[in-house]
Amino acid sequence: MTVTEEIMLLTPNWRDWYHFRHQQACFESGTAFEDYVSKILENFHDDYLNPAPSGSLGDGGCDGLAESGTIFYACYGQRPGRNAERELAKKIESDFDRGFDQWDTFRIWKFVTNAPMGPESLRVITKLQQAHGPTAERPIKIRAVKPERLWTEVVGTFELTILDSLFPGAPGIENVELSDLLPMLDALGTAESTAETGGSVLPVPPTKMDFNRLPDASRLEFNSGRLLAPRIDRWYAESSDPGLYDAQGEKFRSLYKEAQSVTAEPAEILERLYVSVAGANFRMDGKRANAAFAVVSYFFDSCHIFEMPPISGAVYGGELPDALAN
């Protein structure tokens, strides 16, 4: 994953996608859930080790040690059964007792589970907490970790490169043709919303909009996005690459032609361009959506995308679309 892709993913809609994938993984039963937990703990602790069972000794109730052996993990994936709550309570108690007897280094014991915890299992947790409180001969902090806490304290803290390795295939990041636009998109999305004057803030070109049959909703999006045109002008003016604007304009033209080959509907073509810029589900993030409107309208006004209407028999910005030429 490139740095620019990482910038793109720092938005609520992408975090939501990874959160959803985490929730899916936590619906798994038995060893599938336990394997998932082990995988994320390996990324969370640089010294995490999950002991392999050894003959009659088993694994000593341990599903992982971390932080120089001071944190002990026991993990249990839910298993359907008529006595699920009673089995869970027994599992909590037996895992702790085995760990306490066979491992003398841990000061924190965490029981990670996706199983519903009812009154019996909570009573076991409370009994263990009271028996090994601050005044005990061997004080141990005992905690139950459920899926949402696992996200908040562990998975949700990961860098995006780790998240993508755990959950590959985030929608939208496969298109990196416009990856060099992402820093600008991020800057537009985090800038103050106050409109600026000057620069290339242009009125809606009604003949071009009409000629390309863009719907009213698209015109409103363009008008909103055009307020950010001065910032885009400044971005290109301050770029260390003098050819960046032309190169990105050509990419836009290429993507437009590609979308045009798939659909003749102007609104659908426009939506494909938005997604190429800001990724799938970009409308879930209002600031990111407006930044996408700004960038696409900027290249619309600069005649890189869509067609200019003929003036005195001439055609500007390329040939007429096939759907409009007849």
Protein backbone atom coordinates (compact mmCIF):
# COMPACT_ATOMS: atom_id res chain seq x y z
CA MET A 1 0.00 0.00 0.00
CA THR A 2 1.37 3.40 -0.93
CA VAL A 3 1.44 6.48 1.27
CA THR A 4 -1.19 8.14 -0.89
CA GLU A 5 -3.49 5.14 -0.62
CA GLU A 6 -3.07 5.31 3.16
CA ILE A 7 -4.13 8.98 3.12
CA MET A 8 -7.20 8.00 1.17
CA LEU A 9 -8.22 5.42 3.72
CA LEU A 10 -8.10 7.77 6.70
CA THR A 11 -11.82 8.46 6.45
CA PRO A 12 -14.77 7.22 8.50
CA ASN A 13 -16.27 5.14 5.70
CA TRP A 14 -13.08 3.07 5.33
CA ARG A 15 -12.82 2.52 9.09
CA ASP A 16 -16.45 1.45 9.03
CA TRP A 17 -15.65 -1.15 6.37
CA TYR A 18 -12.83 -2.65 8.42
CA HIS A 19 -15.02 -2.54 11.55
CA PHE A 20 -17.70 -4.48 9.69
CA ARG A 21 -15.16 -7.10 8.63
CA HIS A 22 -14.02 -7.40 12.27
CA GLN A 23 -17.62 -7.96 13.33
CA GLN A 24 -17.98 -10.67 10.67
CA ALA A 25 -14.86 -12.42 11.98
CA CYS A 26 -16.27 -12.28 15.50
CA PHE A 27 -19.42 -14.12 14.40
CA GLU A 28 -17.30 -17.19 13.69
CA SER A 29 -17.56 -20.14 16.05
CA GLY A 30 -14.97 -22.20 17.87
CA THR A 31 -11.44 -22.36 16.51
CA ALA A 32 -12.16 -19.95 13.61
CA PHE A 33 -12.72 -17.12 16.08
CA GLU A 34 -9.79 -18.23 18.22
CA ASP A 35 -7.48 -18.23 15.19
CA TYR A 36 -8.64 -14.72 14.31
CA VAL A 37 -7.87 -13.49 17.82
CA SER A 38 -4.42 -15.06 17.72
CA LYS A 39 -3.70 -13.38 14.37
CA ILE A 40 -4.61 -9.90 15.61
CA LEU A 41 -2.71 -10.33 18.89
CA GLU A 42 0.40 -11.25 16.90
CA ASN A 43 0.12 -7.84 15.26
CA PHE A 44 -0.71 -6.04 18.51
CA HIS A 45 2.18 -7.38 20.64
CA ASP A 46 5.64 -7.73 19.16
CA ASP A 47 6.44 -10.56 21.58
CA TYR A 48 3.13 -12.42 21.48
CA LEU A 49 3.54 -16.22 21.58
CA ASN A 50 0.84 -18.86 21.56
CA PRO A 51 2.25 -22.06 23.08
CA ALA A 52 1.67 -25.25 21.13
CA PRO A 53 -0.01 -28.03 23.13
CA SER A 54 2.55 -30.48 24.48
CA GLY A 55 1.36 -34.01 25.22
CA SER A 56 -0.51 -34.47 28.46
CA LEU A 57 0.47 -30.96 29.56
CA GLY A 58 -1.69 -29.37 26.87
CA ASP A 59 -1.20 -25.62 26.59
CA GLY A 60 -1.73 -24.88 30.26
CA GLY A 61 -4.95 -23.02 29.52
CA CYS A 62 -2.88 -20.43 27.66
CA ASP A 63 -3.76 -19.03 24.23
CA GLY A 64 -0.97 -16.49 24.28
CA LEU A 65 1.56 -14.62 26.42
CA ALA A 66 2.71 -11.06 25.77
CA GLU A 67 4.70 -8.20 27.26
CA SER A 68 7.45 -10.44 28.66
CA GLY A 69 4.90 -12.90 30.00
CA THR A 70 3.03 -10.35 32.11
CA ILE A 71 -0.18 -10.58 30.03
CA PHE A 72 -1.91 -13.94 29.72
CA TYR A 73 -4.63 -14.54 27.11
CA ALA A 74 -7.28 -17.23 27.18
CA CYS A 75 -9.59 -17.35 24.19
CA TYR A 76 -12.90 -19.09 23.64
CA GLY A 77 -15.01 -19.07 20.48
CA GLN A 78 -18.71 -19.60 21.05
CA ARG A 79 -19.96 -23.13 20.51
CA PRO A 80 -23.66 -23.71 20.03
CA GLY A 81 -25.17 -25.88 22.72
CA ARG A 82 -28.06 -26.20 25.11
CA ASN A 83 -25.84 -25.51 28.11
CA ALA A 84 -23.74 -22.78 26.47
CA GLU A 85 -23.80 -20.44 29.49
CA ARG A 86 -22.82 -23.18 31.94
CA GLU A 87 -20.06 -24.40 29.63
CA LEU A 88 -18.73 -20.85 29.29
CA ALA A 89 -18.62 -20.39 33.06
CA LYS A 90 -16.72 -23.68 33.45
CA LYS A 91 -14.31 -22.67 30.68
CA ILE A 92 -13.50 -19.34 32.34
CA GLU A 93 -12.81 -20.97 35.68
CA SER A 94 -10.81 -23.93 34.33
CA ASP A 95 -8.67 -21.75 32.02
CA PHE A 96 -7.82 -19.39 34.85
CA ASP A 97 -7.06 -22.19 37.33
CA ARG A 98 -4.79 -23.99 34.86
CA GLY A 99 -3.00 -20.78 33.92
CA PHE A 100 -2.58 -19.74 37.56
CA ASP A 101 -1.08 -23.13 38.44
CA GLN A 102 1.26 -23.46 35.45
CA TRP A 103 2.32 -19.86 34.66
CA ASP A 104 3.70 -17.67 37.42
CA THR A 105 4.72 -14.56 35.45
CA PHE A 106 1.44 -12.94 34.39
CA ARG A 107 -0.15 -10.03 36.23
CA ILE A 108 -3.00 -9.48 33.76
CA TRP A 109 -5.38 -12.24 32.66
CA LYS A 110 -7.65 -11.59 29.69
CA PHE A 111 -10.43 -13.90 28.60
CA VAL A 112 -11.32 -13.10 24.98
CA THR A 113 -14.65 -14.45 23.81
CA ASN A 114 -17.51 -13.85 21.41
CA ALA A 115 -19.88 -15.97 23.48
CA PRO A 116 -22.77 -14.22 25.26
CA MET A 117 -21.91 -13.86 28.93
CA GLY A 118 -24.81 -14.53 31.24
CA PRO A 119 -25.11 -14.44 35.03
CA GLU A 120 -23.16 -17.64 35.70
CA SER A 121 -20.11 -16.59 33.71
CA LEU A 122 -20.21 -13.09 35.20
CA ARG A 123 -20.32 -14.56 38.70
CA VAL A 124 -17.18 -16.58 37.92
CA ILE A 125 -15.36 -13.49 36.61
CA THR A 126 -16.37 -11.48 39.69
CA LYS A 127 -15.31 -14.27 42.06
CA LEU A 128 -11.87 -14.45 40.43
CA GLN A 129 -11.45 -10.67 40.51
CA GLN A 130 -12.22 -10.54 44.20
CA ALA A 131 -9.99 -13.51 45.04
CA HIS A 132 -7.01 -11.96 43.20
CA GLY A 133 -7.53 -8.27 43.97
CA PRO A 134 -4.85 -5.74 45.00
CA THR A 135 -4.51 -7.20 48.52
CA ALA A 136 -4.14 -10.83 47.40
CA GLU A 137 -0.87 -12.69 47.74
CA ARG A 138 -0.63 -12.71 43.94
CA PRO A 139 -2.67 -9.76 42.61
CA ILE A 140 -3.95 -10.27 39.06
CA LYS A 141 -6.03 -7.92 36.94
CA ILE A 142 -8.79 -10.07 35.40
CA ARG A 143 -10.75 -8.84 32.40
CA ALA A 144 -13.27 -10.27 29.94
CA VAL A 145 -12.78 -8.94 26.41
CA LYS A 146 -15.77 -8.97 24.07
CA PRO A 147 -15.72 -8.20 20.30
CA GLU A 148 -16.40 -4.46 20.58
CA ARG A 149 -13.71 -3.99 23.19
CA LEU A 150 -11.40 -6.07 21.01
CA TRP A 151 -12.00 -3.55 18.22
CA THR A 152 -11.62 -0.46 20.42
CA GLU A 153 -8.48 -1.57 22.24
CA VAL A 154 -6.76 -3.68 19.60
CA VAL A 155 -7.95 -3.90 16.00
CA GLY A 156 -9.13 -0.30 15.75
CA THR A 157 -5.68 0.97 16.76
CA PHE A 158 -3.88 -0.74 13.87
CA GLU A 159 -2.17 1.08 11.04
CA LEU A 160 -4.03 0.76 7.78
CA THR A 161 -1.37 -1.51 6.30
CA ILE A 162 -2.07 -4.05 9.05
CA LEU A 163 -5.83 -3.71 8.66
CA ASP A 164 -5.50 -4.36 4.94
CA SER A 165 -3.39 -7.46 5.57
CA LEU A 166 -6.04 -8.78 7.95
CA PHE A 167 -8.95 -7.81 5.68
CA PRO A 168 -7.67 -7.51 2.11
CA GLY A 169 -9.80 -6.12 -0.68
CA ALA A 170 -11.12 -2.85 0.76
CA PRO A 171 -13.48 -1.52 -1.96
CA GLY A 172 -12.08 1.24 -4.12
CA ILE A 173 -8.39 1.01 -3.26
CA GLU A 174 -7.74 -1.28 -6.20
CA ASN A 175 -7.96 1.72 -8.56
CA VAL A 176 -4.68 3.58 -8.12
CA GLU A 177 -4.74 5.40 -11.45
CA LEU A 178 -5.48 8.61 -9.58
CA SER A 179 -3.45 7.86 -6.45
CA ASP A 180 -1.42 11.06 -6.94
CA LEU A 181 -4.67 13.01 -6.47
CA LEU A 182 -5.30 11.62 -3.01
CA PRO A 183 -3.17 14.10 -1.01
CA MET A 184 -5.09 16.96 -2.61
CA LEU A 185 -8.38 15.21 -1.94
CA ASP A 186 -7.42 14.76 1.69
CA ALA A 187 -6.44 18.44 1.99
CA LEU A 188 -9.74 19.55 0.47
CA GLY A 189 -11.66 17.27 2.80
CA THR A 190 -9.97 18.59 5.94
CA ALA A 191 -9.91 22.30 4.97
CA GLU A 192 -12.29 24.81 6.49
CA SER A 193 -15.54 25.02 4.57
CA THR A 194 -15.41 28.81 4.20
CA ALA A 195 -15.67 29.72 0.53
CA GLU A 196 -12.81 31.61 -1.09
CA THR A 197 -13.03 34.19 -3.82
CA GLY A 198 -10.96 34.56 -6.93
CA GLY A 199 -9.07 31.76 -8.60
CA SER A 200 -11.06 29.54 -10.89
CA VAL A 201 -14.46 29.66 -9.21
CA LEU A 202 -16.64 29.53 -12.28
CA PRO A 203 -20.39 29.76 -12.85
CA VAL A 204 -22.09 26.64 -14.13
CA PRO A 205 -21.47 26.49 -17.89
CA PRO A 206 -25.12 25.91 -18.82
CA THR A 207 -24.56 24.97 -22.45
CA LYS A 208 -22.03 22.29 -21.59
CA MET A 209 -24.20 20.92 -18.79
CA ASP A 210 -27.23 20.88 -21.09
CA PHE A 211 -25.28 19.42 -23.99
CA ASN A 212 -24.10 16.50 -21.84
CA ARG A 213 -27.56 16.05 -20.30
CA LEU A 214 -26.30 16.20 -16.72
CA PRO A 215 -29.16 15.98 -14.21
CA ASP A 216 -30.03 18.75 -11.77
CA ALA A 217 -28.52 16.83 -8.85
CA SER A 218 -25.14 16.71 -10.60
CA ARG A 219 -25.28 20.45 -11.28
CA LEU A 220 -25.87 21.12 -7.60
CA GLU A 221 -22.89 18.90 -6.70
CA PHE A 222 -20.71 20.77 -9.17
CA ASN A 223 -21.79 24.16 -7.82
CA SER A 224 -20.89 23.03 -4.31
CA GLY A 225 -17.55 21.63 -5.43
CA ARG A 226 -16.62 24.73 -7.41
CA LEU A 227 -16.28 26.70 -4.18
CA LEU A 228 -13.05 24.80 -3.59
CA ALA A 229 -11.58 25.61 -7.01
CA PRO A 230 -9.19 28.31 -5.64
CA ARG A 231 -7.66 25.73 -3.31
CA ILE A 232 -7.16 23.36 -6.23
CA ASP A 233 -5.51 26.18 -8.21
CA ARG A 234 -3.20 26.80 -5.28
CA TRP A 235 -2.43 23.08 -4.95
CA TYR A 236 -1.20 22.87 -8.51
CA ALA A 237 0.66 26.19 -8.26
CA GLU A 238 2.57 24.94 -5.21
CA SER A 239 3.25 21.46 -6.60
CA SER A 240 6.88 20.51 -7.12
CA ASP A 241 5.86 18.74 -10.34
CA PRO A 242 5.02 21.29 -13.06
CA GLY A 243 3.48 18.58 -15.22
CA LEU A 244 1.15 17.22 -12.53
CA TYR A 245 -1.96 19.08 -13.71
CA ASP A 246 -1.56 17.96 -17.33
CA ALA A 247 -0.84 14.37 -16.32
CA GLN A 248 -3.88 14.18 -14.09
CA GLY A 249 -6.02 15.84 -16.72
CA GLU A 250 -5.06 13.12 -19.18
CA LYS A 251 -5.88 10.45 -16.61
CA PHE A 252 -9.30 12.02 -16.15
CA ARG A 253 -9.86 12.04 -19.90
CA SER A 254 -8.86 8.36 -20.09
CA LEU A 255 -11.18 7.38 -17.23
CA TYR A 256 -14.00 9.36 -18.81
CA LYS A 257 -13.56 7.53 -22.11
CA GLU A 258 -13.48 4.21 -20.26
CA ALA A 259 -16.70 5.00 -18.38
CA GLN A 260 -18.28 6.20 -21.61
CA SER A 261 -17.61 2.81 -23.17
CA VAL A 262 -19.57 1.12 -20.39
CA THR A 263 -22.61 3.37 -20.11
CA ALA A 264 -24.21 6.20 -22.06
CA GLU A 265 -25.95 7.62 -18.99
CA PRO A 266 -24.22 10.90 -17.99
CA ALA A 267 -25.08 10.51 -14.30
CA GLU A 268 -23.60 7.00 -14.26
CA ILE A 269 -20.44 8.20 -15.99
CA LEU A 270 -20.11 10.96 -13.42
CA GLU A 271 -20.59 8.53 -10.54
CA ARG A 272 -17.83 6.30 -11.92
CA LEU A 273 -15.50 9.31 -12.00
CA TYR A 274 -16.37 10.19 -8.41
CA VAL A 275 -15.57 6.62 -7.34
CA SER A 276 -12.27 6.70 -9.27
CA VAL A 277 -11.32 9.80 -7.29
CA ALA A 278 -12.66 9.05 -3.82
CA GLY A 279 -13.42 5.35 -3.69
CA ALA A 280 -16.60 3.36 -3.23
CA ASN A 281 -19.00 4.60 -0.53
CA PHE A 282 -17.47 8.08 -0.73
CA ARG A 283 -20.92 9.56 -0.09
CA MET A 284 -20.81 8.15 3.46
CA ASP A 285 -18.32 10.92 4.29
CA GLY A 286 -19.73 14.40 3.54
CA LYS A 287 -16.36 16.16 3.38
CA ARG A 288 -14.83 13.51 1.16
CA ALA A 289 -17.86 13.64 -1.14
CA ASN A 290 -17.61 17.41 -1.51
CA ALA A 291 -13.89 17.11 -2.24
CA ALA A 292 -14.72 14.61 -4.99
CA PHE A 293 -17.30 17.02 -6.42
CA ALA A 294 -14.67 19.77 -6.37
CA VAL A 295 -12.01 17.77 -8.21
CA VAL A 296 -14.34 16.35 -10.86
CA SER A 297 -16.02 19.72 -11.51
CA TYR A 298 -12.57 21.30 -11.79
CA PHE A 299 -11.63 18.97 -14.63
CA PHE A 300 -15.10 19.32 -16.15
CA ASP A 301 -14.61 23.09 -16.35
CA SER A 302 -11.12 22.64 -17.79
CA CYS A 303 -12.64 20.56 -20.63
CA HIS A 304 -10.81 17.34 -19.80
CA ILE A 305 -14.03 15.38 -19.30
CA PHE A 306 -17.39 15.41 -21.01
CA GLU A 307 -17.93 17.20 -24.29
CA MET A 308 -18.07 20.86 -25.25
CA PRO A 309 -21.06 21.86 -27.39
CA PRO A 310 -20.33 22.82 -31.01
CA ILE A 311 -19.84 26.52 -31.62
CA SER A 312 -20.32 27.73 -35.21
CA GLY A 313 -19.86 24.23 -36.50
CA ALA A 314 -16.76 23.51 -34.42
CA VAL A 315 -16.53 21.01 -31.61
CA TYR A 316 -14.31 21.70 -28.61
CA GLY A 317 -12.90 19.18 -26.18
CA GLY A 318 -13.11 16.19 -28.51
CA GLU A 319 -15.67 14.44 -30.65
CA LEU A 320 -19.35 14.37 -29.86
CA PRO A 321 -20.50 11.44 -27.78
CA ASP A 322 -21.98 8.71 -29.97
CA ALA A 323 -25.27 9.02 -28.11
CA LEU A 324 -25.47 12.73 -29.01
CA ALA A 325 -23.98 12.67 -32.50
CA ASN A 326 -27.07 11.23 -34.17
